[in-house]
Amino acid sequence: DDKVTIIQTGSDGTSYSQSYRIWDGVAGQSYIWSNWQGTGMDLIVQVTNIDISSAPGTASINIALSGTSFPTPVPTCSPVFSAYSVCPLGPFDLDAGFCSNNSCAVMRGLFFDVTAKTNDILITALNYYSSLAGSDIEIWTMTSSGSHAGNQANQGLWTKVADHISLTGFDFTEDSAPFDTGVTVTAGTTQGFLIISVNEDAGVAASNTGTALGAINIEDDYLQIKNGQMTSSYWPSGLTYYSYPLAGRFEYAVLQSSAAGSVTPVPAPATP
């Protein structure tokens, strides 16, 4: 009668499902969800007052993420995510690491695939390692979803999403190439990518420790990066050599299921 009850629904509360009563709290008490939606912060629900002098009774509640003050303003998306009704989660990164000692391969370019697992993913940048400072490094993606395999020689199937001048050479320092527009990979689909040097005397690094072409190199809860093929020439791609894992790091955001326009690329956020 003088408590606030929290009910957890199934199916996001949008259809028939099992529900669970997870907490009853009186004024002055709080309920905490740890690591709210993978953000690394806790969501705190604080009951400040309960009034049952009238019917129906009322309660005053504060809701905030850890590290923010009560009351929390209604969140707004960054302007670059204005097409979305629900703010994307992130940013996150998936780091394939740098090849070391004798495990590096350097060639003109690298074709490879990424797969989105359970959510639509917005990829905003690729951090890479080049062999020569001042190189013109381009990043391309398949215009439609699909693997790079079998499409390496047809430039008409690809869209350039970044053109970046490398700031460092092959000295264990990564460069970051923000995408001109974010690349959306729909949940359950695979997207082909190419990172390549325009300059003949420069290249990009990959690891020479790969197993099968298309095998998973590294993954997290949302994204998989798969082994690809190195190329010795610019478009049209010439001889390719496989299987090579990417040496580098993707920056991305997770698009929530109710986000509007989640299949349309939007301008990428600034690189941190």
Protein backbone atom coordinates (compact mmCIF):
# COMPACT_ATOMS: atom_id res chain seq x y z
CA ASP A 1 0.00 0.00 0.00
CA ASP A 2 2.81 2.44 0.78
CA LYS A 3 5.47 0.99 -1.51
CA VAL A 4 6.70 1.45 -5.07
CA THR A 5 6.83 -1.79 -7.07
CA ILE A 6 9.09 -2.44 -10.09
CA ILE A 7 7.88 -5.04 -12.56
CA GLN A 8 10.20 -6.44 -15.22
CA THR A 9 8.38 -7.44 -18.40
CA GLY A 10 9.39 -9.75 -21.19
CA SER A 11 9.38 -8.82 -24.88
CA ASP A 12 10.16 -5.20 -23.87
CA GLY A 13 6.55 -4.85 -22.71
CA THR A 14 5.29 -4.74 -26.30
CA SER A 15 3.55 -8.12 -26.43
CA TYR A 16 2.24 -10.92 -24.22
CA SER A 17 5.01 -12.39 -22.05
CA GLN A 18 5.97 -13.46 -18.55
CA SER A 19 6.49 -10.57 -16.09
CA TYR A 20 8.42 -10.57 -12.82
CA ARG A 21 8.08 -8.53 -9.65
CA ILE A 22 11.67 -7.59 -8.84
CA TRP A 23 11.46 -4.91 -6.11
CA ASP A 24 9.25 -3.16 -3.54
CA GLY A 25 10.59 0.04 -1.99
CA VAL A 26 9.47 2.64 0.52
CA ALA A 27 10.33 6.34 0.59
CA GLY A 28 14.07 6.81 1.00
CA GLN A 29 15.01 3.53 -0.64
CA SER A 30 16.63 3.01 -4.05
CA TYR A 31 16.88 0.19 -6.57
CA ILE A 32 20.05 -0.11 -8.69
CA TRP A 33 20.53 -1.82 -12.05
CA SER A 34 24.24 -2.51 -12.44
CA ASN A 35 25.93 -1.80 -15.79
CA TRP A 36 22.74 -0.42 -17.35
CA GLN A 37 22.46 -1.61 -20.98
CA GLY A 38 26.21 -2.21 -21.13
CA THR A 39 27.10 1.45 -20.51
CA GLY A 40 29.31 0.72 -17.51
CA MET A 41 27.08 2.95 -15.36
CA ASP A 42 24.39 2.00 -12.87
CA LEU A 43 20.76 3.10 -13.27
CA ILE A 44 19.37 4.28 -9.92
CA VAL A 45 15.65 4.47 -9.14
CA GLN A 46 15.13 6.47 -5.93
CA VAL A 47 11.78 6.76 -4.13
CA THR A 48 11.62 10.20 -2.50
CA ASN A 49 8.00 10.33 -1.33
CA ILE A 50 4.82 8.24 -1.19
CA ASP A 51 1.42 9.83 -0.58
CA ILE A 52 -1.56 7.53 0.07
CA SER A 53 -3.80 10.22 1.61
CA SER A 54 -5.83 10.27 -1.59
CA ALA A 55 -6.95 7.66 -4.09
CA PRO A 56 -5.13 6.69 -6.12
CA GLY A 57 -1.91 7.13 -4.17
CA THR A 58 1.05 8.90 -5.74
CA ALA A 59 4.80 8.56 -5.51
CA SER A 60 7.71 10.86 -6.36
CA ILE A 61 10.63 9.05 -8.01
CA ASN A 62 14.03 10.16 -9.25
CA ILE A 63 15.81 8.19 -11.99
CA ALA A 64 19.42 8.82 -12.93
CA LEU A 65 22.60 7.12 -14.09
CA SER A 66 25.45 6.88 -11.61
CA GLY A 67 27.60 10.00 -11.64
CA THR A 68 24.70 12.28 -12.58
CA SER A 69 22.60 14.37 -10.25
CA PHE A 70 18.87 14.15 -9.56
CA PRO A 71 16.71 15.03 -11.36
CA THR A 72 18.11 13.83 -14.67
CA PRO A 73 17.16 15.91 -17.73
CA VAL A 74 15.40 14.10 -20.54
CA PRO A 75 18.24 12.72 -22.65
CA THR A 76 18.68 14.02 -26.17
CA CYS A 77 20.66 12.46 -28.97
CA SER A 78 23.69 14.12 -30.44
CA PRO A 79 22.71 16.14 -33.56
CA VAL A 80 24.53 13.58 -35.73
CA PHE A 81 21.97 11.00 -34.59
CA SER A 82 18.95 13.21 -35.29
CA ALA A 83 17.39 10.51 -37.50
CA TYR A 84 17.01 8.23 -34.50
CA SER A 85 14.11 8.26 -32.07
CA VAL A 86 16.20 6.35 -29.50
CA CYS A 87 19.81 7.37 -28.91
CA PRO A 88 22.36 4.79 -30.04
CA LEU A 89 24.41 3.13 -27.30
CA GLY A 90 28.13 3.74 -27.20
CA PRO A 91 30.58 4.62 -28.47
CA PHE A 92 32.30 1.25 -28.24
CA ASP A 93 35.34 -0.18 -29.97
CA LEU A 94 36.45 -3.63 -31.07
CA ASP A 95 40.23 -3.83 -31.11
CA ALA A 96 41.88 -6.53 -33.20
CA GLY A 97 45.23 -5.35 -31.86
CA PHE A 98 48.56 -4.78 -33.55
CA CYS A 99 50.68 -7.53 -35.03
CA SER A 100 54.05 -7.78 -33.30
CA ASN A 101 57.48 -9.32 -33.77
CA ASN A 102 57.36 -11.50 -36.89
CA SER A 103 53.56 -11.73 -37.09
CA CYS A 104 52.99 -8.70 -39.38
CA ALA A 105 52.17 -8.69 -43.06
CA VAL A 106 52.24 -5.43 -45.06
CA MET A 107 50.64 -5.07 -48.47
CA ARG A 108 48.80 -2.48 -50.56
CA GLY A 109 45.38 -3.27 -49.10
CA LEU A 110 43.22 -5.66 -47.09
CA PHE A 111 39.71 -6.91 -47.87
CA PHE A 112 37.78 -8.26 -44.88
CA ASP A 113 34.27 -8.73 -43.48
CA VAL A 114 32.40 -7.66 -40.35
CA THR A 115 29.16 -9.20 -39.08
CA ALA A 116 26.61 -7.54 -36.78
CA LYS A 117 25.29 -10.04 -34.26
CA THR A 118 22.11 -9.13 -32.35
CA ASN A 119 21.70 -5.39 -33.06
CA ASP A 120 22.07 -3.00 -35.95
CA ILE A 121 25.55 -1.46 -35.72
CA LEU A 122 26.69 2.00 -36.85
CA ILE A 123 30.44 1.89 -37.62
CA THR A 124 31.98 5.36 -37.47
CA ALA A 125 35.76 4.95 -37.80
CA LEU A 126 38.57 2.49 -38.44
CA ASN A 127 41.90 2.83 -36.68
CA TYR A 128 44.71 1.26 -38.69
CA TYR A 129 48.50 0.93 -39.08
CA SER A 130 50.24 2.17 -42.23
CA SER A 131 53.78 1.54 -43.42
CA LEU A 132 54.56 5.13 -44.42
CA ALA A 133 53.61 8.50 -42.93
CA GLY A 134 51.83 10.77 -45.40
CA SER A 135 50.20 7.90 -47.28
CA ASP A 136 46.75 8.37 -48.80
CA ILE A 137 44.68 5.64 -47.15
CA GLU A 138 41.16 4.91 -48.41
CA ILE A 139 38.43 2.83 -46.78
CA TRP A 140 35.68 1.32 -48.89
CA THR A 141 32.61 -0.76 -48.06
CA MET A 142 30.21 -2.83 -50.12
CA THR A 143 27.37 -0.55 -51.28
CA SER A 144 24.92 -3.31 -50.43
CA SER A 145 25.38 -5.78 -47.60
CA GLY A 146 27.45 -8.84 -48.38
CA SER A 147 30.90 -10.35 -48.12
CA HIS A 148 33.89 -8.96 -49.97
CA ALA A 149 34.68 -12.47 -51.23
CA GLY A 150 34.16 -12.69 -54.99
CA ASN A 151 33.71 -8.92 -55.32
CA GLN A 152 37.29 -7.71 -55.05
CA ALA A 153 37.65 -6.76 -58.73
CA ASN A 154 34.35 -4.91 -59.21
CA GLN A 155 34.82 -1.35 -57.93
CA GLY A 156 31.27 -0.50 -59.01
CA LEU A 157 29.92 -2.54 -56.09
CA TRP A 158 31.84 -0.47 -53.53
CA THR A 159 31.46 2.95 -51.89
CA LYS A 160 34.37 4.94 -50.45
CA VAL A 161 33.63 6.04 -46.88
CA ALA A 162 36.97 7.55 -45.80
CA ASP A 163 40.04 9.15 -47.37
CA HIS A 164 42.74 9.73 -44.78
CA ILE A 165 46.36 10.88 -44.86
CA SER A 166 48.34 8.72 -42.45
CA LEU A 167 50.12 10.63 -39.73
CA THR A 168 52.50 7.88 -38.69
CA GLY A 169 54.56 5.18 -40.30
CA PHE A 170 54.99 1.60 -39.27
CA ASP A 171 56.06 2.45 -35.71
CA PHE A 172 53.42 0.66 -33.59
CA THR A 173 51.25 3.81 -33.57
CA GLU A 174 47.71 3.63 -34.88
CA ASP A 175 46.02 6.21 -37.10
CA SER A 176 42.29 6.94 -36.95
CA ALA A 177 40.19 7.36 -40.09
CA PRO A 178 36.70 8.74 -39.29
CA PHE A 179 34.10 7.74 -41.89
CA ASP A 180 32.47 10.45 -43.99
CA THR A 181 29.15 8.82 -43.12
CA GLY A 182 28.55 6.04 -40.64
CA VAL A 183 28.16 2.57 -42.12
CA THR A 184 25.13 0.67 -40.82
CA VAL A 185 25.42 -3.11 -40.62
CA THR A 186 22.01 -4.69 -40.02
CA ALA A 187 21.76 -7.37 -37.32
CA GLY A 188 22.56 -10.81 -38.70
CA THR A 189 24.23 -9.54 -41.88
CA THR A 190 27.82 -9.31 -43.11
CA GLN A 191 29.46 -6.25 -44.64
CA GLY A 192 32.60 -6.27 -46.77
CA PHE A 193 35.32 -3.65 -46.21
CA LEU A 194 38.57 -2.65 -47.92
CA ILE A 195 41.39 -0.55 -46.49
CA ILE A 196 43.97 0.33 -49.13
CA SER A 197 46.83 2.71 -49.89
CA VAL A 198 46.57 4.89 -53.01
CA ASN A 199 50.37 5.19 -52.99
CA GLU A 200 52.29 2.33 -54.57
CA ASP A 201 55.15 2.60 -52.07
CA ALA A 202 52.93 2.29 -48.99
CA GLY A 203 50.71 -0.32 -47.44
CA VAL A 204 48.67 -1.30 -44.42
CA ALA A 205 49.40 -3.88 -41.76
CA ALA A 206 47.61 -7.12 -41.10
CA SER A 207 48.48 -10.14 -39.01
CA ASN A 208 49.91 -13.18 -40.77
CA THR A 209 48.49 -15.51 -38.13
CA GLY A 210 45.13 -16.07 -39.78
CA THR A 211 43.46 -19.43 -40.22
CA ALA A 212 40.61 -19.92 -42.70
CA LEU A 213 39.25 -17.12 -44.88
CA GLY A 214 36.11 -15.77 -43.19
CA ALA A 215 37.00 -17.23 -39.80
CA ILE A 216 36.31 -14.96 -36.83
CA ASN A 217 39.40 -12.96 -35.90
CA ILE A 218 37.88 -11.15 -32.92
CA GLU A 219 34.37 -10.46 -31.60
CA ASP A 220 32.42 -8.91 -28.76
CA ASP A 221 28.74 -8.95 -27.82
CA TYR A 222 27.74 -6.98 -30.91
CA LEU A 223 30.31 -7.33 -33.68
CA GLN A 224 32.61 -9.85 -35.38
CA ILE A 225 35.69 -9.05 -37.48
CA LYS A 226 36.64 -11.87 -39.86
CA ASN A 227 39.82 -12.90 -41.65
CA GLY A 228 40.22 -11.42 -45.11
CA GLN A 229 42.47 -11.19 -48.16
CA MET A 230 45.39 -8.87 -48.85
CA THR A 231 45.76 -7.30 -52.29
CA SER A 232 48.90 -6.18 -54.09
CA SER A 233 47.33 -3.49 -56.28
CA TYR A 234 44.77 -0.68 -56.36
CA TRP A 235 41.45 -0.97 -58.25
CA PRO A 236 40.81 -3.24 -59.97
CA SER A 237 42.26 -5.50 -57.35
CA GLY A 238 44.92 -7.85 -58.58
CA LEU A 239 46.28 -10.96 -56.97
CA THR A 240 44.98 -11.55 -53.46
CA TYR A 241 46.54 -13.53 -50.64
CA TYR A 242 44.62 -15.04 -47.73
CA SER A 243 43.85 -15.55 -44.88
CA TYR A 244 44.86 -12.39 -43.00
CA PRO A 245 43.24 -10.82 -39.91
CA LEU A 246 42.89 -7.07 -39.61
CA ALA A 247 45.38 -5.19 -37.47
CA GLY A 248 43.32 -2.26 -36.20
CA ARG A 249 40.26 -1.13 -34.31
CA PHE A 250 36.65 -0.35 -35.26
CA GLU A 251 34.71 2.41 -33.47
CA TYR A 252 30.95 1.91 -33.47
CA ALA A 253 27.59 2.55 -31.80
CA VAL A 254 24.71 0.13 -31.20
CA LEU A 255 21.38 1.11 -32.71
CA GLN A 256 18.48 0.20 -30.44
CA SER A 257 15.63 -1.79 -31.92
CA SER A 258 13.13 1.07 -31.99
CA ALA A 259 15.52 3.52 -33.66
CA ALA A 260 14.03 5.23 -36.68
CA GLY A 261 15.98 5.15 -39.91
CA SER A 262 18.40 2.55 -38.63
CA VAL A 263 19.21 1.33 -42.12
CA THR A 264 20.20 4.78 -43.36
CA PRO A 265 23.79 5.98 -42.79
CA VAL A 266 24.05 9.22 -40.79
CA PRO A 267 27.02 11.57 -40.32
CA ALA A 268 29.63 10.01 -38.09
CA PRO A 269 30.38 11.46 -34.65
CA ALA A 270 33.71 13.09 -34.01
CA THR A 271 36.49 10.69 -33.16
CA PRO A 272 37.33 10.85 -29.44
